[in-house]
Protein backbone atom coordinates (compact mmCIF):
# COMPACT_ATOMS: atom_id res chain seq x y z
CA MET A 1 153.51 -115.98 47.11
CA VAL A 2 155.96 -113.31 47.11
CA ALA A 3 154.24 -110.97 49.39
CA LEU A 4 153.68 -113.54 51.96
CA ILE A 5 157.43 -114.45 52.13
CA VAL A 6 158.47 -110.73 52.31
CA LEU A 7 155.79 -110.35 54.94
CA MET A 8 156.72 -113.40 57.15
CA LEU A 9 160.31 -111.95 56.69
CA THR A 10 159.67 -108.56 57.86
CA ARG A 11 157.47 -110.17 61.10
CA CYS A 12 160.54 -112.31 61.76
CA SER A 13 163.14 -109.40 61.69
CA SER A 14 161.07 -107.27 63.83
CA GLY A 15 161.07 -110.04 66.25
CA VAL A 16 157.09 -109.90 67.06
CA PRO A 17 155.85 -112.69 67.22
CA ALA A 18 152.50 -112.78 64.95
CA SER A 19 149.39 -113.62 66.80
CA PRO A 20 147.09 -116.70 65.63
CA SER A 21 144.64 -114.54 64.38
CA ASP A 22 147.28 -112.40 62.35
CA LYS A 23 148.49 -115.84 60.98
CA LEU A 24 144.79 -117.08 60.00
CA TRP A 25 144.28 -113.74 58.28
CA GLU A 26 147.56 -114.07 56.62
CA GLU A 27 146.54 -117.28 55.43
CA ILE A 28 143.35 -116.11 54.13
CA GLY A 29 144.86 -113.54 51.94
CA ASN A 30 147.62 -116.21 50.63
CA VAL A 31 144.60 -118.15 49.67
CA LYS A 32 142.38 -115.42 48.02
CA THR A 33 145.59 -114.23 45.90
CA MET A 34 146.15 -117.85 45.01
CA MET A 35 142.56 -118.23 43.99
CA ALA A 36 142.81 -114.91 42.04
CA ALA A 37 145.66 -116.40 40.20
CA VAL A 38 144.14 -119.46 39.38
CA SER A 39 141.11 -117.69 38.32
CA ASP A 40 143.17 -116.03 35.82
CA GLU A 41 144.80 -118.49 34.62
CA LEU A 42 141.76 -120.41 33.95
CA GLU A 43 140.29 -117.31 31.98
CA LYS A 44 143.06 -117.33 29.81
CA PHE A 45 142.65 -121.15 29.17
CA ASN A 46 138.95 -120.86 28.77
CA THR A 47 139.36 -117.74 26.35
CA LEU A 48 142.27 -119.60 24.24
CA TYR A 49 140.24 -122.75 24.43
CA LEU A 50 137.01 -121.43 23.11
CA GLY A 51 138.61 -119.53 20.40
CA LYS A 52 140.33 -122.52 18.99
CA LEU A 53 137.06 -124.69 19.14
CA GLU A 54 134.99 -121.55 17.61
CA TYR A 55 137.44 -122.05 14.89
CA ARG A 56 137.12 -125.49 14.31
CA MET A 57 133.27 -125.64 14.69
CA LEU A 58 133.02 -122.73 11.43
CA SER A 59 135.77 -124.95 9.63
CA MET A 60 133.58 -128.20 10.55
CA ALA A 61 130.20 -126.31 9.31
CA SER A 62 131.78 -125.19 6.00
CA THR A 63 133.06 -128.74 5.28
CA LEU A 64 129.66 -130.15 6.12
CA SER A 65 128.04 -127.30 3.95
CA SER A 66 130.40 -128.17 1.15
CA LEU A 67 129.59 -131.63 1.38
CA ASP A 68 126.11 -131.68 1.41
CA SER A 69 126.06 -129.45 -1.67
CA ASN A 70 128.11 -132.02 -3.43
CA VAL A 71 125.95 -134.86 -2.21
CA LYS A 72 122.86 -132.92 -3.79
CA ASN A 73 124.85 -132.17 -7.02
CA LEU A 74 125.55 -136.28 -7.26
CA GLN A 75 122.16 -136.78 -6.83
CA GLU A 76 120.82 -134.58 -9.26
CA ARG A 77 123.53 -135.99 -11.73
CA ALA A 78 122.43 -139.73 -10.86
CA HIS A 79 118.85 -138.91 -11.76
CA VAL A 80 120.00 -137.51 -14.89
CA TRP A 81 122.27 -140.65 -15.95
CA ASP A 82 119.42 -143.11 -14.83
CA THR A 83 117.22 -141.16 -16.93
CA PHE A 84 120.03 -141.11 -19.86
CA GLN A 85 120.73 -144.93 -19.76
CA LEU A 86 116.79 -145.66 -20.02
CA HIS A 87 116.72 -143.69 -23.01
CA VAL A 88 119.78 -145.51 -24.48
CA ALA A 89 118.49 -148.62 -23.65
CA ALA A 90 115.22 -147.55 -25.52
CA TRP A 91 117.44 -146.45 -28.79
CA ASN A 92 119.12 -149.97 -28.46
CA ASP A 93 115.86 -151.69 -28.58
CA GLN A 94 114.86 -149.51 -31.80
CA MET A 95 117.86 -150.14 -33.36
CA SER A 96 117.59 -153.89 -32.78
CA THR A 97 113.86 -153.67 -34.06
CA LEU A 98 115.22 -151.63 -37.14
CA ASP A 99 118.10 -154.38 -37.95
CA LYS A 100 115.21 -156.87 -37.81
CA LYS A 101 113.33 -154.87 -40.31
CA VAL A 102 116.44 -154.84 -42.46
CA ASP A 103 116.66 -158.59 -42.57
CA ILE A 104 112.99 -159.02 -43.17
CA LEU A 105 113.06 -156.46 -46.18
CA SER A 106 116.28 -158.16 -47.27
CA SER A 107 115.04 -161.59 -47.46
CA SER A 108 114.17 -163.05 -50.95
CA ASP A 109 110.10 -164.09 -50.04
CA LEU A 110 108.96 -160.37 -49.24
CA GLU A 111 106.40 -158.80 -51.57
CA THR A 112 106.82 -155.18 -52.50
CA SER A 113 103.50 -154.36 -50.26
CA ASN A 114 105.74 -154.90 -47.38
CA TYR A 115 107.73 -151.92 -47.65
CA HIS A 116 105.02 -149.93 -45.58
CA ILE A 117 107.39 -150.77 -42.66
CA PHE A 118 109.82 -148.00 -43.60
CA GLY A 119 107.91 -145.38 -45.53
CA SER A 120 110.89 -142.99 -45.91
CA ILE A 121 113.25 -145.97 -47.14
CA LYS A 122 110.27 -146.81 -49.33
CA LYS A 123 110.77 -143.49 -51.18
CA GLN A 124 114.32 -143.54 -51.24
CA LEU A 125 114.51 -146.68 -52.55
CA ARG A 126 111.82 -146.27 -55.19
CA GLY A 127 112.87 -146.71 -58.78
CA GLN A 128 116.34 -148.13 -57.71
CA HIS A 129 117.51 -151.50 -59.05
CA TYR A 130 120.28 -153.64 -57.46
CA GLU A 131 121.82 -156.65 -58.64
CA THR A 132 122.47 -158.55 -55.45
CA LEU A 133 120.89 -158.72 -51.88
CA GLU A 134 124.10 -157.56 -50.57
CA ASP A 135 123.70 -154.21 -52.65
CA ILE A 136 119.99 -153.81 -51.23
CA ARG A 137 121.21 -154.41 -47.51
CA LYS A 138 123.87 -151.52 -48.24
CA ALA A 139 121.47 -149.14 -49.77
CA VAL A 140 118.67 -149.75 -46.77
CA ARG A 141 121.67 -149.22 -44.33
CA GLN A 142 122.54 -146.27 -45.80
CA CYS A 143 118.98 -144.98 -45.73
CA LEU A 144 118.92 -145.59 -42.02
CA ARG A 145 122.24 -143.85 -41.47
CA GLU A 146 120.85 -140.85 -43.28
CA ASP A 147 117.61 -140.93 -41.52
CA GLU A 148 119.16 -141.85 -38.30
CA THR A 149 119.63 -138.22 -36.88
CA LYS A 150 115.95 -137.00 -38.03
CA PHE A 151 114.66 -140.24 -36.14
CA TYR A 152 115.92 -139.78 -32.83
CA SER A 153 115.63 -135.98 -32.76
CA LYS A 154 112.10 -136.61 -33.70
CA GLY A 155 112.23 -139.24 -30.89
CA ILE A 156 113.37 -137.38 -28.14
CA PHE A 157 110.87 -134.35 -28.79
CA LYS A 158 108.06 -136.93 -28.92
CA LEU A 159 109.49 -137.79 -25.33
CA THR A 160 108.31 -134.14 -24.09
CA GLU A 161 105.03 -134.28 -25.23
CA ARG A 162 104.34 -137.82 -24.06
CA ARG A 163 105.61 -136.50 -20.79
CA GLU A 164 103.32 -133.86 -20.85
CA LYS A 165 100.57 -136.35 -21.86
CA CYS A 166 101.20 -138.56 -19.11
CA MET A 167 101.13 -135.52 -16.47
CA GLN A 168 97.73 -134.57 -17.73
CA ARG A 169 96.94 -137.86 -17.16
CA ASN A 170 97.82 -138.00 -13.85
CA GLY A 171 100.94 -140.32 -14.51
CA ASP A 172 98.90 -143.16 -16.41
CA TYR A 173 100.64 -144.33 -19.13
CA VAL A 174 100.73 -142.78 -22.53
CA GLU A 175 101.48 -144.72 -25.71
CA LYS A 176 102.06 -142.73 -28.45
């Protein structure tokens, strides 16, 4: 643009009128100069924009990867939690059954032959004498508490065996 003004001033000062073809070539040159300047500005804009866009895309890819990893981790934890809840429910059922059996043992109309329900309790209570029904209940509960750890650990280890049997039977139910 500055070159155009300088060129016009030199022609005006020389006193020679410019011919129409000179004016046309001059305009074409001005347009070329202006197009080159616009092209340079667009190139700068594209470089800056693409640099920022690439940075944002990399940042988003990293964030998405992290989210995907977190979702997979949560899915694994959810599966473990579901399995754990099933085991807790089974243990609660077994404890309820044990409480019912303790109540049966503590009822007065039981014969000694019914002690087969709890083999380990029978062994521990053999030879003991109790004065009240409450003493019997306390002794039975104490036996259950002592055997509780062994009872649950055996049950947990048996789950592995049952799972293997189930897999060998192609998913069929395995009782014991």
